[in-house]
PDB file of N, CA and C in Angstrom:
ATOM      1  N   MET A   1     -29.996   7.821 -11.074  1.00  0.00           N
ATOM      2  CA  MET A   1     -29.828   6.401 -10.804  1.00  0.00           C
ATOM      3  C   MET A   1     -31.135   5.687 -11.195  1.00  0.00           C
ATOM      4  N   PRO A   2     -31.039   4.572 -11.866  1.00  0.00           N
ATOM      5  CA  PRO A   2     -32.266   3.852 -12.238  1.00  0.00           C
ATOM      6  C   PRO A   2     -33.035   3.412 -10.997  1.00  0.00           C
ATOM      7  N   SER A   3     -34.334   3.330 -11.126  1.00  0.00           N
ATOM      8  CA  SER A   3     -35.160   2.995  -9.969  1.00  0.00           C
ATOM      9  C   SER A   3     -35.092   1.514  -9.598  1.00  0.00           C
ATOM     10  N   ASP A   4     -34.579   0.655 -10.483  1.00  0.00           N
ATOM     11  CA  ASP A   4     -34.536  -0.771 -10.166  1.00  0.00           C
ATOM     12  C   ASP A   4     -33.254  -1.178  -9.432  1.00  0.00           C
ATOM     13  N   VAL A   5     -32.356  -0.243  -9.155  1.00  0.00           N
ATOM     14  CA  VAL A   5     -31.117  -0.531  -8.432  1.00  0.00           C
ATOM     15  C   VAL A   5     -31.203   0.168  -7.088  1.00  0.00           C
ATOM     16  N   SER A   6     -31.119  -0.581  -6.030  1.00  0.00           N
ATOM     17  CA  SER A   6     -31.216   0.020  -4.700  1.00  0.00           C
ATOM     18  C   SER A   6     -29.884   0.636  -4.300  1.00  0.00           C
ATOM     19  N   ILE A   7     -29.946   1.647  -3.469  1.00  0.00           N
ATOM     20  CA  ILE A   7     -28.735   2.331  -3.008  1.00  0.00           C
ATOM     21  C   ILE A   7     -27.915   1.396  -2.128  1.00  0.00           C
ATOM     22  N   ASP A   8     -28.565   0.577  -1.323  1.00  0.00           N
ATOM     23  CA  ASP A   8     -27.842  -0.352  -0.461  1.00  0.00           C
ATOM     24  C   ASP A   8     -27.019  -1.338  -1.281  1.00  0.00           C
ATOM     25  N   LEU A   9     -27.554  -1.818  -2.366  1.00  0.00           N
ATOM     26  CA  LEU A   9     -26.841  -2.770  -3.216  1.00  0.00           C
ATOM     27  C   LEU A   9     -25.617  -2.121  -3.833  1.00  0.00           C
ATOM     28  N   VAL A  10     -25.754  -0.903  -4.304  1.00  0.00           N
ATOM     29  CA  VAL A  10     -24.625  -0.193  -4.915  1.00  0.00           C
ATOM     30  C   VAL A  10     -23.552   0.080  -3.881  1.00  0.00           C
ATOM     31  N   ALA A  11     -23.933   0.525  -2.689  1.00  0.00           N
ATOM     32  CA  ALA A  11     -22.964   0.819  -1.634  1.00  0.00           C
ATOM     33  C   ALA A  11     -22.237  -0.452  -1.204  1.00  0.00           C
ATOM     34  N   HIS A  12     -22.956  -1.563  -1.089  1.00  0.00           N
ATOM     35  CA  HIS A  12     -22.333  -2.821  -0.688  1.00  0.00           C
ATOM     36  C   HIS A  12     -21.337  -3.287  -1.740  1.00  0.00           C
ATOM     37  N   SER A  13     -21.657  -3.160  -3.003  1.00  0.00           N
ATOM     38  CA  SER A  13     -20.749  -3.569  -4.077  1.00  0.00           C
ATOM     39  C   SER A  13     -19.496  -2.712  -4.093  1.00  0.00           C
ATOM     40  N   ALA A  14     -19.644  -1.414  -3.819  1.00  0.00           N
ATOM     41  CA  ALA A  14     -18.485  -0.523  -3.796  1.00  0.00           C
ATOM     42  C   ALA A  14     -17.537  -0.884  -2.663  1.00  0.00           C
ATOM     43  N   VAL A  15     -18.073  -1.245  -1.503  1.00  0.00           N
ATOM     44  CA  VAL A  15     -17.227  -1.629  -0.370  1.00  0.00           C
ATOM     45  C   VAL A  15     -16.490  -2.923  -0.682  1.00  0.00           C
ATOM     46  N   GLU A  16     -17.158  -3.889  -1.286  1.00  0.00           N
ATOM     47  CA  GLU A  16     -16.507  -5.145  -1.640  1.00  0.00           C
ATOM     48  C   GLU A  16     -15.406  -4.928  -2.671  1.00  0.00           C
ATOM     49  N   ALA A  17     -15.653  -4.087  -3.662  1.00  0.00           N
ATOM     50  CA  ALA A  17     -14.655  -3.830  -4.700  1.00  0.00           C
ATOM     51  C   ALA A  17     -13.434  -3.135  -4.100  1.00  0.00           C
ATOM     52  N   ARG A  18     -13.668  -2.187  -3.183  1.00  0.00           N
ATOM     53  CA  ARG A  18     -12.559  -1.477  -2.572  1.00  0.00           C
ATOM     54  C   ARG A  18     -11.748  -2.413  -1.686  1.00  0.00           C
ATOM     55  N   ALA A  19     -12.380  -3.296  -0.940  1.00  0.00           N
ATOM     56  CA  ALA A  19     -11.691  -4.201  -0.030  1.00  0.00           C
ATOM     57  C   ALA A  19     -10.901  -5.259  -0.795  1.00  0.00           C
ATOM     58  N   ALA A  20     -11.360  -5.650  -1.963  1.00  0.00           N
ATOM     59  CA  ALA A  20     -10.688  -6.699  -2.716  1.00  0.00           C
ATOM     60  C   ALA A  20      -9.340  -6.224  -3.252  1.00  0.00           C
ATOM     61  N   ARG A  21      -9.183  -4.919  -3.456  1.00  0.00           N
ATOM     62  CA  ARG A  21      -7.942  -4.399  -4.031  1.00  0.00           C
ATOM     63  C   ARG A  21      -6.891  -4.078  -2.985  1.00  0.00           C
ATOM     64  N   ARG A  22      -7.220  -4.157  -1.709  1.00  0.00           N
ATOM     65  CA  ARG A  22      -6.266  -3.809  -0.662  1.00  0.00           C
ATOM     66  C   ARG A  22      -5.319  -4.960  -0.379  1.00  0.00           C
ATOM     67  N   LEU A  23      -4.061  -4.616  -0.077  1.00  0.00           N
ATOM     68  CA  LEU A  23      -3.083  -5.618   0.317  1.00  0.00           C
ATOM     69  C   LEU A  23      -3.271  -5.937   1.797  1.00  0.00           C
ATOM     70  N   PRO A  24      -2.911  -7.134   2.205  1.00  0.00           N
ATOM     71  CA  PRO A  24      -2.939  -7.438   3.637  1.00  0.00           C
ATOM     72  C   PRO A  24      -1.960  -6.538   4.400  1.00  0.00           C
ATOM     73  N   VAL A  25      -2.244  -6.308   5.659  1.00  0.00           N
ATOM     74  CA  VAL A  25      -1.416  -5.406   6.470  1.00  0.00           C
ATOM     75  C   VAL A  25       0.028  -5.909   6.532  1.00  0.00           C
ATOM     76  N   GLY A  26       0.204  -7.205   6.675  1.00  0.00           N
ATOM     77  CA  GLY A  26       1.558  -7.760   6.777  1.00  0.00           C
ATOM     78  C   GLY A  26       2.385  -7.505   5.530  1.00  0.00           C
ATOM     79  N   VAL A  27       1.753  -7.547   4.369  1.00  0.00           N
ATOM     80  CA  VAL A  27       2.481  -7.291   3.123  1.00  0.00           C
ATOM     81  C   VAL A  27       2.921  -5.831   3.077  1.00  0.00           C
ATOM     82  N   GLY A  28       2.046  -4.928   3.473  1.00  0.00           N
ATOM     83  CA  GLY A  28       2.403  -3.510   3.486  1.00  0.00           C
ATOM     84  C   GLY A  28       3.528  -3.212   4.460  1.00  0.00           C
ATOM     85  N   LEU A  29       3.466  -3.823   5.635  1.00  0.00           N
ATOM     86  CA  LEU A  29       4.531  -3.619   6.620  1.00  0.00           C
ATOM     87  C   LEU A  29       5.860  -4.187   6.133  1.00  0.00           C
ATOM     88  N   THR A  30       5.810  -5.330   5.467  1.00  0.00           N
ATOM     89  CA  THR A  30       7.030  -5.933   4.939  1.00  0.00           C
ATOM     90  C   THR A  30       7.654  -5.060   3.861  1.00  0.00           C
ATOM     91  N   ILE A  31       6.824  -4.548   2.961  1.00  0.00           N
ATOM     92  CA  ILE A  31       7.328  -3.668   1.907  1.00  0.00           C
ATOM     93  C   ILE A  31       7.928  -2.403   2.523  1.00  0.00           C
ATOM     94  N   GLY A  32       7.269  -1.849   3.528  1.00  0.00           N
ATOM     95  CA  GLY A  32       7.801  -0.662   4.197  1.00  0.00           C
ATOM     96  C   GLY A  32       9.123  -0.937   4.888  1.00  0.00           C
ATOM     97  N   ALA A  33       9.229  -2.079   5.536  1.00  0.00           N
ATOM     98  CA  ALA A  33      10.473  -2.419   6.229  1.00  0.00           C
ATOM     99  C   ALA A  33      11.623  -2.619   5.252  1.00  0.00           C
ATOM    100  N   VAL A  34      11.358  -3.305   4.160  1.00  0.00           N
ATOM    101  CA  VAL A  34      12.403  -3.530   3.146  1.00  0.00           C
ATOM    102  C   VAL A  34      12.833  -2.201   2.530  1.00  0.00           C
ATOM    103  N   ALA A  35      11.876  -1.329   2.246  1.00  0.00           N
ATOM    104  CA  ALA A  35      12.207  -0.023   1.679  1.00  0.00           C
ATOM    105  C   ALA A  35      13.043   0.800   2.651  1.00  0.00           C
ATOM    106  N   SER A  36      12.709   0.725   3.940  1.00  0.00           N
ATOM    107  CA  SER A  36      13.454   1.468   4.947  1.00  0.00           C
ATOM    108  C   SER A  36      14.896   0.964   5.057  1.00  0.00           C
ATOM    109  N   VAL A  37      15.059  -0.345   5.100  1.00  0.00           N
ATOM    110  CA  VAL A  37      16.410  -0.915   5.182  1.00  0.00           C
ATOM    111  C   VAL A  37      17.208  -0.559   3.930  1.00  0.00           C
ATOM    112  N   ALA A  38      16.580  -0.622   2.767  1.00  0.00           N
ATOM    113  CA  ALA A  38      17.272  -0.274   1.523  1.00  0.00           C
ATOM    114  C   ALA A  38      17.691   1.194   1.526  1.00  0.00           C
ATOM    115  N   LEU A  39      16.812   2.071   2.016  1.00  0.00           N
ATOM    116  CA  LEU A  39      17.136   3.494   2.074  1.00  0.00           C
ATOM    117  C   LEU A  39      18.334   3.748   2.977  1.00  0.00           C
ATOM    118  N   TRP A  40      18.317   3.163   4.173  1.00  0.00           N
ATOM    119  CA  TRP A  40      19.434   3.378   5.096  1.00  0.00           C
ATOM    120  C   TRP A  40      20.724   2.747   4.575  1.00  0.00           C
ATOM    121  N   THR A  41      20.609   1.639   3.857  1.00  0.00           N
ATOM    122  CA  THR A  41      21.805   1.024   3.253  1.00  0.00           C
ATOM    123  C   THR A  41      22.411   1.955   2.209  1.00  0.00           C
ATOM    124  N   VAL A  42      21.576   2.527   1.382  1.00  0.00           N
ATOM    125  CA  VAL A  42      22.070   3.459   0.360  1.00  0.00           C
ATOM    126  C   VAL A  42      22.671   4.702   1.008  1.00  0.00           C
ATOM    127  N   ILE A  43      22.047   5.205   2.072  1.00  0.00           N
ATOM    128  CA  ILE A  43      22.602   6.365   2.778  1.00  0.00           C
ATOM    129  C   ILE A  43      23.973   6.022   3.347  1.00  0.00           C
ATOM    130  N   GLY A  44      24.098   4.844   3.963  1.00  0.00           N
ATOM    131  CA  GLY A  44      25.384   4.434   4.524  1.00  0.00           C
ATOM    132  C   GLY A  44      26.462   4.280   3.471  1.00  0.00           C
ATOM    133  N   ILE A  45      26.119   3.655   2.355  1.00  0.00           N
ATOM    134  CA  ILE A  45      27.100   3.479   1.273  1.00  0.00           C
ATOM    135  C   ILE A  45      27.510   4.829   0.700  1.00  0.00           C
ATOM    136  N   SER A  46      26.543   5.726   0.572  1.00  0.00           N
ATOM    137  CA  SER A  46      26.835   7.068   0.038  1.00  0.00           C
ATOM    138  C   SER A  46      27.766   7.844   0.976  1.00  0.00           C
ATOM    139  N   LEU A  47      27.491   7.774   2.274  1.00  0.00           N
ATOM    140  CA  LEU A  47      28.358   8.468   3.225  1.00  0.00           C
ATOM    141  C   LEU A  47      29.772   7.889   3.229  1.00  0.00           C
ATOM    142  N   ARG A  48      29.861   6.567   3.127  1.00  0.00           N
ATOM    143  CA  ARG A  48      31.200   5.946   3.071  1.00  0.00           C
ATOM    144  C   ARG A  48      31.956   6.408   1.837  1.00  0.00           C
ATOM    145  N   ALA A  49      31.253   6.510   0.710  1.00  0.00           N
ATOM    146  CA  ALA A  49      31.899   6.935  -0.525  1.00  0.00           C
ATOM    147  C   ALA A  49      32.313   8.419  -0.434  1.00  0.00           C
ATOM    148  N   LEU A  50      31.489   9.233   0.197  1.00  0.00           N
ATOM    149  CA  LEU A  50      31.832  10.657   0.318  1.00  0.00           C
ATOM    150  C   LEU A  50      33.002  10.889   1.257  1.00  0.00           C
ATOM    151  N   LEU A  51      33.073  10.120   2.325  1.00  0.00           N
ATOM    152  CA  LEU A  51      34.105  10.337   3.338  1.00  0.00           C
ATOM    153  C   LEU A  51      35.382   9.542   3.071  1.00  0.00           C
ATOM    154  N   ALA A  52      35.373   8.679   2.101  1.00  0.00           N
ATOM    155  CA  ALA A  52      36.559   7.856   1.822  1.00  0.00           C
ATOM    156  C   ALA A  52      37.582   8.626   1.003  1.00  0.00           C
TER     157      ALA A  52
END
């Protein structure tokens, strides 16, 4: 590592870069809920088709 770059500066930049790419918690929960409902809907439709 070059001597003119401090370790604290590099670590701080890495934390900021990682945090900027994260989705908000509410968005993740919404995506999970929609995926769960879609999965159970497909399971229900599949079972109806198999048993019909």
